[in-house]
């Protein structure tokens, strides 16, 4: 499922958290997924394994749940 933000014209899609594989860990705010700007790209520092640069999610350009744009993106 893809979500579009009109403010910045970025399109986000759900991607399974690279740390927990969808099992709902703290790095993905217990959702099992993260919203990633499309086209989705694995973190170039860890190649998707999870590191401090991607917040241990394995993805580049993640929209975090505590970001005010997150809820508007989910509409």
PDB file of N, CA and C in Angstrom:
ATOM      1  N   UNK A   1       0.843  -1.167   0.000  1.00  0.00           N
ATOM      2  CA  UNK A   1       0.000   0.000   0.000  1.00  0.00           C
ATOM      3  C   UNK A   1       0.894   1.238   0.000  1.00  0.00           C
ATOM      4  N   UNK A   2       0.620   2.182  -0.902  1.00  0.00           N
ATOM      5  CA  UNK A   2       1.430   3.384  -0.992  1.00  0.00           C
ATOM      6  C   UNK A   2       0.644   4.580  -0.491  1.00  0.00           C
ATOM      7  N   UNK A   3       1.354   5.513   0.109  1.00  0.00           N
ATOM      8  CA  UNK A   3       0.763   6.728   0.646  1.00  0.00           C
ATOM      9  C   UNK A   3       1.509   7.905   0.041  1.00  0.00           C
ATOM     10  N   UNK A   4       0.773   8.934  -0.333  1.00  0.00           N
ATOM     11  CA  UNK A   4       1.426  10.093  -0.929  1.00  0.00           C
ATOM     12  C   UNK A   4       1.235  11.310  -0.037  1.00  0.00           C
ATOM     13  N   UNK A   5       2.320  12.040   0.136  1.00  0.00           N
ATOM     14  CA  UNK A   5       2.279  13.285   0.882  1.00  0.00           C
ATOM     15  C   UNK A   5       2.284  14.413  -0.131  1.00  0.00           C
ATOM     16  N   UNK A   6       1.316  15.298  -0.063  1.00  0.00           N
ATOM     17  CA  UNK A   6       1.229  16.365  -1.044  1.00  0.00           C
ATOM     18  C   UNK A   6       2.224  17.480  -0.761  1.00  0.00           C
ATOM     19  N   UNK A   7       2.650  17.660   0.498  1.00  0.00           N
ATOM     20  CA  UNK A   7       3.554  18.748   0.853  1.00  0.00           C
ATOM     21  C   UNK A   7       4.874  18.643   0.106  1.00  0.00           C
ATOM     22  N   UNK A   8       5.496  17.499   0.109  1.00  0.00           N
ATOM     23  CA  UNK A   8       6.804  17.333  -0.500  1.00  0.00           C
ATOM     24  C   UNK A   8       6.768  16.420  -1.716  1.00  0.00           C
ATOM     25  N   UNK A   9       5.595  15.942  -2.069  1.00  0.00           N
ATOM     26  CA  UNK A   9       5.433  15.045  -3.196  1.00  0.00           C
ATOM     27  C   UNK A   9       6.262  13.774  -3.075  1.00  0.00           C
ATOM     28  N   UNK A  10       6.465  13.334  -1.854  1.00  0.00           N
ATOM     29  CA  UNK A  10       7.132  12.051  -1.653  1.00  0.00           C
ATOM     30  C   UNK A  10       6.063  10.982  -1.519  1.00  0.00           C
ATOM     31  N   UNK A  11       6.340   9.848  -2.054  1.00  0.00           N
ATOM     32  CA  UNK A  11       5.447   8.703  -1.923  1.00  0.00           C
ATOM     33  C   UNK A  11       6.116   7.731  -0.970  1.00  0.00           C
ATOM     34  N   UNK A  12       5.355   7.284   0.023  1.00  0.00           N
ATOM     35  CA  UNK A  12       5.863   6.346   1.022  1.00  0.00           C
ATOM     36  C   UNK A  12       5.105   5.035   0.910  1.00  0.00           C
ATOM     37  N   UNK A  13       5.788   3.960   1.190  1.00  0.00           N
ATOM     38  CA  UNK A  13       5.166   2.635   1.193  1.00  0.00           C
ATOM     39  C   UNK A  13       5.653   1.863   2.410  1.00  0.00           C
ATOM     40  N   UNK A  14       4.833   0.949   2.847  1.00  0.00           N
ATOM     41  CA  UNK A  14       5.219   0.091   3.977  1.00  0.00           C
ATOM     42  C   UNK A  14       6.280  -0.896   3.528  1.00  0.00           C
ATOM     43  N   UNK A  15       7.296  -0.995   4.342  1.00  0.00           N
ATOM     44  CA  UNK A  15       8.344  -1.998   4.124  1.00  0.00           C
ATOM     45  C   UNK A  15       8.549  -2.719   5.450  1.00  0.00           C
ATOM     46  N   UNK A  16       8.752  -3.993   5.389  1.00  0.00           N
ATOM     47  CA  UNK A  16       8.954  -4.782   6.609  1.00  0.00           C
ATOM     48  C   UNK A  16      10.234  -4.344   7.290  1.00  0.00           C
ATOM     49  N   UNK A  17      10.158  -4.171   8.584  1.00  0.00           N
ATOM     50  CA  UNK A  17      11.321  -3.760   9.375  1.00  0.00           C
ATOM     51  C   UNK A  17      12.444  -4.781   9.209  1.00  0.00           C
ATOM     52  N   UNK A  18      13.615  -4.278   8.871  1.00  0.00           N
ATOM     53  CA  UNK A  18      14.759  -5.165   8.663  1.00  0.00           C
ATOM     54  C   UNK A  18      15.305  -5.756   9.942  1.00  0.00           C
ATOM     55  N   UNK A  19      15.002  -5.138  11.074  1.00  0.00           N
ATOM     56  CA  UNK A  19      15.512  -5.650  12.339  1.00  0.00           C
ATOM     57  C   UNK A  19      14.702  -6.850  12.836  1.00  0.00           C
ATOM     58  N   UNK A  20      13.383  -6.721  12.805  1.00  0.00           N
ATOM     59  CA  UNK A  20      12.542  -7.776  13.391  1.00  0.00           C
ATOM     60  C   UNK A  20      11.842  -8.643  12.347  1.00  0.00           C
ATOM     61  N   UNK A  21      11.927  -8.275  11.080  1.00  0.00           N
ATOM     62  CA  UNK A  21      11.265  -9.064  10.047  1.00  0.00           C
ATOM     63  C   UNK A  21       9.750  -9.060  10.163  1.00  0.00           C
ATOM     64  N   UNK A  22       9.191  -8.026  10.775  1.00  0.00           N
ATOM     65  CA  UNK A  22       7.738  -7.914  10.925  1.00  0.00           C
ATOM     66  C   UNK A  22       7.212  -8.383  12.257  1.00  0.00           C
ATOM     67  N   UNK A  23       8.100  -8.797  13.161  1.00  0.00           N
ATOM     68  CA  UNK A  23       7.674  -9.316  14.461  1.00  0.00           C
ATOM     69  C   UNK A  23       7.358  -8.224  15.480  1.00  0.00           C
ATOM     70  N   UNK A  24       7.480  -6.963  15.078  1.00  0.00           N
ATOM     71  CA  UNK A  24       7.099  -5.815  15.908  1.00  0.00           C
ATOM     72  C   UNK A  24       8.076  -5.523  17.036  1.00  0.00           C
ATOM     73  N   UNK A  25       9.184  -4.926  16.675  1.00  0.00           N
ATOM     74  CA  UNK A  25      10.197  -4.552  17.668  1.00  0.00           C
ATOM     75  C   UNK A  25      10.089  -3.066  18.005  1.00  0.00           C
ATOM     76  N   UNK A  26      10.916  -2.603  18.903  1.00  0.00           N
ATOM     77  CA  UNK A  26      10.884  -1.197  19.295  1.00  0.00           C
ATOM     78  C   UNK A  26      11.407  -0.278  18.199  1.00  0.00           C
ATOM     79  N   UNK A  27      12.253  -0.767  17.312  1.00  0.00           N
ATOM     80  CA  UNK A  27      12.805   0.082  16.259  1.00  0.00           C
ATOM     81  C   UNK A  27      11.751   0.498  15.239  1.00  0.00           C
ATOM     82  N   UNK A  28      10.727  -0.300  15.051  1.00  0.00           N
ATOM     83  CA  UNK A  28       9.636   0.045  14.134  1.00  0.00           C
ATOM     84  C   UNK A  28       8.389   0.484  14.904  1.00  0.00           C
ATOM     85  N   UNK A  29       8.575   0.880  16.149  1.00  0.00           N
ATOM     86  CA  UNK A  29       7.470   1.308  17.017  1.00  0.00           C
ATOM     87  C   UNK A  29       6.396   0.240  17.159  1.00  0.00           C
ATOM     88  N   UNK A  30       6.835  -1.005  17.160  1.00  0.00           N
ATOM     89  CA  UNK A  30       5.970  -2.177  17.336  1.00  0.00           C
ATOM     90  C   UNK A  30       4.871  -2.287  16.279  1.00  0.00           C
ATOM     91  N   UNK A  31       5.180  -1.793  15.077  1.00  0.00           N
ATOM     92  CA  UNK A  31       4.253  -1.911  13.953  1.00  0.00           C
ATOM     93  C   UNK A  31       4.596  -3.095  13.055  1.00  0.00           C
ATOM     94  N   UNK A  32       5.863  -3.472  13.030  1.00  0.00           N
ATOM     95  CA  UNK A  32       6.305  -4.545  12.144  1.00  0.00           C
ATOM     96  C   UNK A  32       6.730  -4.032  10.781  1.00  0.00           C
ATOM     97  N   UNK A  33       6.467  -2.765  10.526  1.00  0.00           N
ATOM     98  CA  UNK A  33       6.849  -2.147   9.262  1.00  0.00           C
ATOM     99  C   UNK A  33       7.254  -0.702   9.518  1.00  0.00           C
ATOM    100  N   UNK A  34       7.875  -0.103   8.528  1.00  0.00           N
ATOM    101  CA  UNK A  34       8.195   1.318   8.543  1.00  0.00           C
ATOM    102  C   UNK A  34       7.752   1.900   7.206  1.00  0.00           C
ATOM    103  N   UNK A  35       7.473   3.199   7.198  1.00  0.00           N
ATOM    104  CA  UNK A  35       7.146   3.879   5.953  1.00  0.00           C
ATOM    105  C   UNK A  35       8.436   4.379   5.335  1.00  0.00           C
ATOM    106  N   UNK A  36       8.676   4.001   4.093  1.00  0.00           N
ATOM    107  CA  UNK A  36       9.919   4.314   3.402  1.00  0.00           C
ATOM    108  C   UNK A  36       9.598   5.076   2.122  1.00  0.00           C
ATOM    109  N   UNK A  37      10.351   6.151   1.879  1.00  0.00           N
ATOM    110  CA  UNK A  37      10.176   6.918   0.646  1.00  0.00           C
ATOM    111  C   UNK A  37      10.468   6.018  -0.546  1.00  0.00           C
ATOM    112  N   UNK A  38       9.651   6.171  -1.572  1.00  0.00           N
ATOM    113  CA  UNK A  38       9.784   5.348  -2.764  1.00  0.00           C
ATOM    114  C   UNK A  38      10.595   6.057  -3.830  1.00  0.00           C
ATOM    115  N   UNK A  39      11.366   5.365  -4.598  1.00  0.00           N
ATOM    116  CA  UNK A  39      11.560   3.915  -4.534  1.00  0.00           C
ATOM    117  C   UNK A  39      12.351   3.544  -3.285  1.00  0.00           C
ATOM    118  N   UNK A  40      11.943   2.484  -2.646  1.00  0.00           N
ATOM    119  CA  UNK A  40      12.593   2.077  -1.402  1.00  0.00           C
ATOM    120  C   UNK A  40      14.018   1.611  -1.671  1.00  0.00           C
ATOM    121  N   UNK A  41      14.894   1.996  -0.739  1.00  0.00           N
ATOM    122  CA  UNK A  41      16.307   1.619  -0.866  1.00  0.00           C
ATOM    123  C   UNK A  41      16.801   1.142   0.490  1.00  0.00           C
ATOM    124  N   UNK A  42      17.529   0.066   0.471  1.00  0.00           N
ATOM    125  CA  UNK A  42      18.149  -0.416   1.704  1.00  0.00           C
ATOM    126  C   UNK A  42      19.235   0.572   2.120  1.00  0.00           C
ATOM    127  N   UNK A  43      19.481   0.643   3.402  1.00  0.00           N
ATOM    128  CA  UNK A  43      20.507   1.533   3.935  1.00  0.00           C
ATOM    129  C   UNK A  43      21.859   1.164   3.330  1.00  0.00           C
ATOM    130  N   UNK A  44      22.557   2.156   2.803  1.00  0.00           N
ATOM    131  CA  UNK A  44      23.841   1.860   2.157  1.00  0.00           C
ATOM    132  C   UNK A  44      24.974   1.647   3.162  1.00  0.00           C
ATOM    133  N   UNK A  45      24.732   1.984   4.422  1.00  0.00           N
ATOM    134  CA  UNK A  45      25.750   1.741   5.445  1.00  0.00           C
ATOM    135  C   UNK A  45      25.766   0.275   5.881  1.00  0.00           C
ATOM    136  N   UNK A  46      24.588  -0.317   5.993  1.00  0.00           N
ATOM    137  CA  UNK A  46      24.505  -1.685   6.520  1.00  0.00           C
ATOM    138  C   UNK A  46      23.920  -2.681   5.521  1.00  0.00           C
ATOM    139  N   UNK A  47      23.507  -2.188   4.348  1.00  0.00           N
ATOM    140  CA  UNK A  47      22.894  -3.017   3.316  1.00  0.00           C
ATOM    141  C   UNK A  47      21.655  -3.757   3.808  1.00  0.00           C
ATOM    142  N   UNK A  48      20.912  -3.116   4.714  1.00  0.00           N
ATOM    143  CA  UNK A  48      19.650  -3.676   5.186  1.00  0.00           C
ATOM    144  C   UNK A  48      19.718  -4.461   6.472  1.00  0.00           C
ATOM    145  N   UNK A  49      20.903  -4.623   7.045  1.00  0.00           N
ATOM    146  CA  UNK A  49      21.029  -5.390   8.281  1.00  0.00           C
ATOM    147  C   UNK A  49      20.590  -4.608   9.511  1.00  0.00           C
ATOM    148  N   UNK A  50      20.686  -3.282   9.461  1.00  0.00           N
ATOM    149  CA  UNK A  50      20.311  -2.434  10.588  1.00  0.00           C
ATOM    150  C   UNK A  50      21.535  -1.829  11.251  1.00  0.00           C
ATOM    151  N   UNK A  51      21.545  -0.503  11.359  1.00  0.00           N
ATOM    152  CA  UNK A  51      22.650   0.212  11.983  1.00  0.00           C
ATOM    153  C   UNK A  51      22.127   1.533  12.542  1.00  0.00           C
ATOM    154  N   UNK A  52      23.007   2.317  13.127  1.00  0.00           N
ATOM    155  CA  UNK A  52      22.562   3.577  13.724  1.00  0.00           C
ATOM    156  C   UNK A  52      22.078   4.570  12.672  1.00  0.00           C
ATOM    157  N   UNK A  53      22.558   4.470  11.449  1.00  0.00           N
ATOM    158  CA  UNK A  53      22.194   5.427  10.409  1.00  0.00           C
ATOM    159  C   UNK A  53      20.761   5.237   9.901  1.00  0.00           C
ATOM    160  N   UNK A  54      20.247   4.039   9.967  1.00  0.00           N
ATOM    161  CA  UNK A  54      18.878   3.779   9.501  1.00  0.00           C
ATOM    162  C   UNK A  54      17.930   3.522  10.666  1.00  0.00           C
ATOM    163  N   UNK A  55      18.397   3.755  11.876  1.00  0.00           N
ATOM    164  CA  UNK A  55      17.554   3.509  13.046  1.00  0.00           C
ATOM    165  C   UNK A  55      17.290   2.033  13.254  1.00  0.00           C
ATOM    166  N   UNK A  56      18.194   1.205  12.772  1.00  0.00           N
ATOM    167  CA  UNK A  56      18.120  -0.264  12.878  1.00  0.00           C
ATOM    168  C   UNK A  56      16.936  -0.859  12.122  1.00  0.00           C
ATOM    169  N   UNK A  57      16.395  -0.124  11.139  1.00  0.00           N
ATOM    170  CA  UNK A  57      15.290  -0.645  10.334  1.00  0.00           C
ATOM    171  C   UNK A  57      15.774  -1.277   9.038  1.00  0.00           C
ATOM    172  N   UNK A  58      16.981  -0.909   8.598  1.00  0.00           N
ATOM    173  CA  UNK A  58      17.522  -1.444   7.360  1.00  0.00           C
ATOM    174  C   UNK A  58      17.178  -0.623   6.128  1.00  0.00           C
ATOM    175  N   UNK A  59      16.428   0.473   6.290  1.00  0.00           N
ATOM    176  CA  UNK A  59      15.953   1.253   5.152  1.00  0.00           C
ATOM    177  C   UNK A  59      16.478   2.675   5.167  1.00  0.00           C
ATOM    178  N   UNK A  60      16.583   3.260   3.980  1.00  0.00           N
ATOM    179  CA  UNK A  60      16.991   4.647   3.798  1.00  0.00           C
ATOM    180  C   UNK A  60      15.738   5.520   3.657  1.00  0.00           C
ATOM    181  N   UNK A  61      15.727   6.692   4.244  1.00  0.00           N
ATOM    182  CA  UNK A  61      14.640   7.678   4.173  1.00  0.00           C
ATOM    183  C   UNK A  61      13.335   7.148   4.772  1.00  0.00           C
ATOM    184  N   UNK A  62      13.399   6.816   6.047  1.00  0.00           N
ATOM    185  CA  UNK A  62      12.251   6.308   6.794  1.00  0.00           C
ATOM    186  C   UNK A  62      11.471   7.479   7.377  1.00  0.00           C
ATOM    187  N   UNK A  63      10.151   7.400   7.324  1.00  0.00           N
ATOM    188  CA  UNK A  63       9.286   8.368   7.974  1.00  0.00           C
ATOM    189  C   UNK A  63       8.891   7.772   9.316  1.00  0.00           C
ATOM    190  N   UNK A  64       9.359   8.382  10.384  1.00  0.00           N
ATOM    191  CA  UNK A  64       9.155   7.839  11.733  1.00  0.00           C
ATOM    192  C   UNK A  64       7.766   8.134  12.258  1.00  0.00           C
ATOM    193  N   UNK A  65       7.274   7.262  13.121  1.00  0.00           N
ATOM    194  CA  UNK A  65       5.935   7.376  13.677  1.00  0.00           C
ATOM    195  C   UNK A  65       5.759   8.663  14.477  1.00  0.00           C
ATOM    196  N   UNK A  66       6.799   9.152  15.120  1.00  0.00           N
ATOM    197  CA  UNK A  66       6.671  10.369  15.918  1.00  0.00           C
ATOM    198  C   UNK A  66       6.769  11.643  15.067  1.00  0.00           C
ATOM    199  N   UNK A  67       6.988  11.502  13.773  1.00  0.00           N
ATOM    200  CA  UNK A  67       7.000  12.647  12.861  1.00  0.00           C
ATOM    201  C   UNK A  67       5.554  13.098  12.646  1.00  0.00           C
ATOM    202  N   UNK A  68       5.263  14.390  12.764  1.00  0.00           N
ATOM    203  CA  UNK A  68       3.893  14.868  12.583  1.00  0.00           C
ATOM    204  C   UNK A  68       3.304  14.529  11.214  1.00  0.00           C
ATOM    205  N   UNK A  69       4.138  14.319  10.214  1.00  0.00           N
ATOM    206  CA  UNK A  69       3.664  13.970   8.874  1.00  0.00           C
ATOM    207  C   UNK A  69       3.193  12.518   8.777  1.00  0.00           C
ATOM    208  N   UNK A  70       3.572  11.700   9.752  1.00  0.00           N
ATOM    209  CA  UNK A  70       3.233  10.270   9.701  1.00  0.00           C
ATOM    210  C   UNK A  70       1.721  10.059   9.638  1.00  0.00           C
ATOM    211  N   UNK A  71       0.981  10.711  10.516  1.00  0.00           N
ATOM    212  CA  UNK A  71      -0.463  10.496  10.547  1.00  0.00           C
ATOM    213  C   UNK A  71      -1.140  11.033   9.287  1.00  0.00           C
ATOM    214  N   UNK A  72      -0.649  12.152   8.748  1.00  0.00           N
ATOM    215  CA  UNK A  72      -1.259  12.658   7.516  1.00  0.00           C
ATOM    216  C   UNK A  72      -0.916  11.761   6.328  1.00  0.00           C
ATOM    217  N   UNK A  73       0.178  11.094   6.397  1.00  0.00           N
ATOM    218  CA  UNK A  73       0.585  10.185   5.328  1.00  0.00           C
ATOM    219  C   UNK A  73      -0.290   8.929   5.329  1.00  0.00           C
ATOM    220  N   UNK A  74      -0.785   8.532   6.477  1.00  0.00           N
ATOM    221  CA  UNK A  74      -1.572   7.302   6.594  1.00  0.00           C
ATOM    222  C   UNK A  74      -3.017   7.489   6.165  1.00  0.00           C
ATOM    223  N   UNK A  75      -3.445   8.707   5.890  1.00  0.00           N
ATOM    224  CA  UNK A  75      -4.847   8.942   5.491  1.00  0.00           C
ATOM    225  C   UNK A  75      -5.126   8.432   4.114  1.00  0.00           C
TER     226      UNK A  75
END
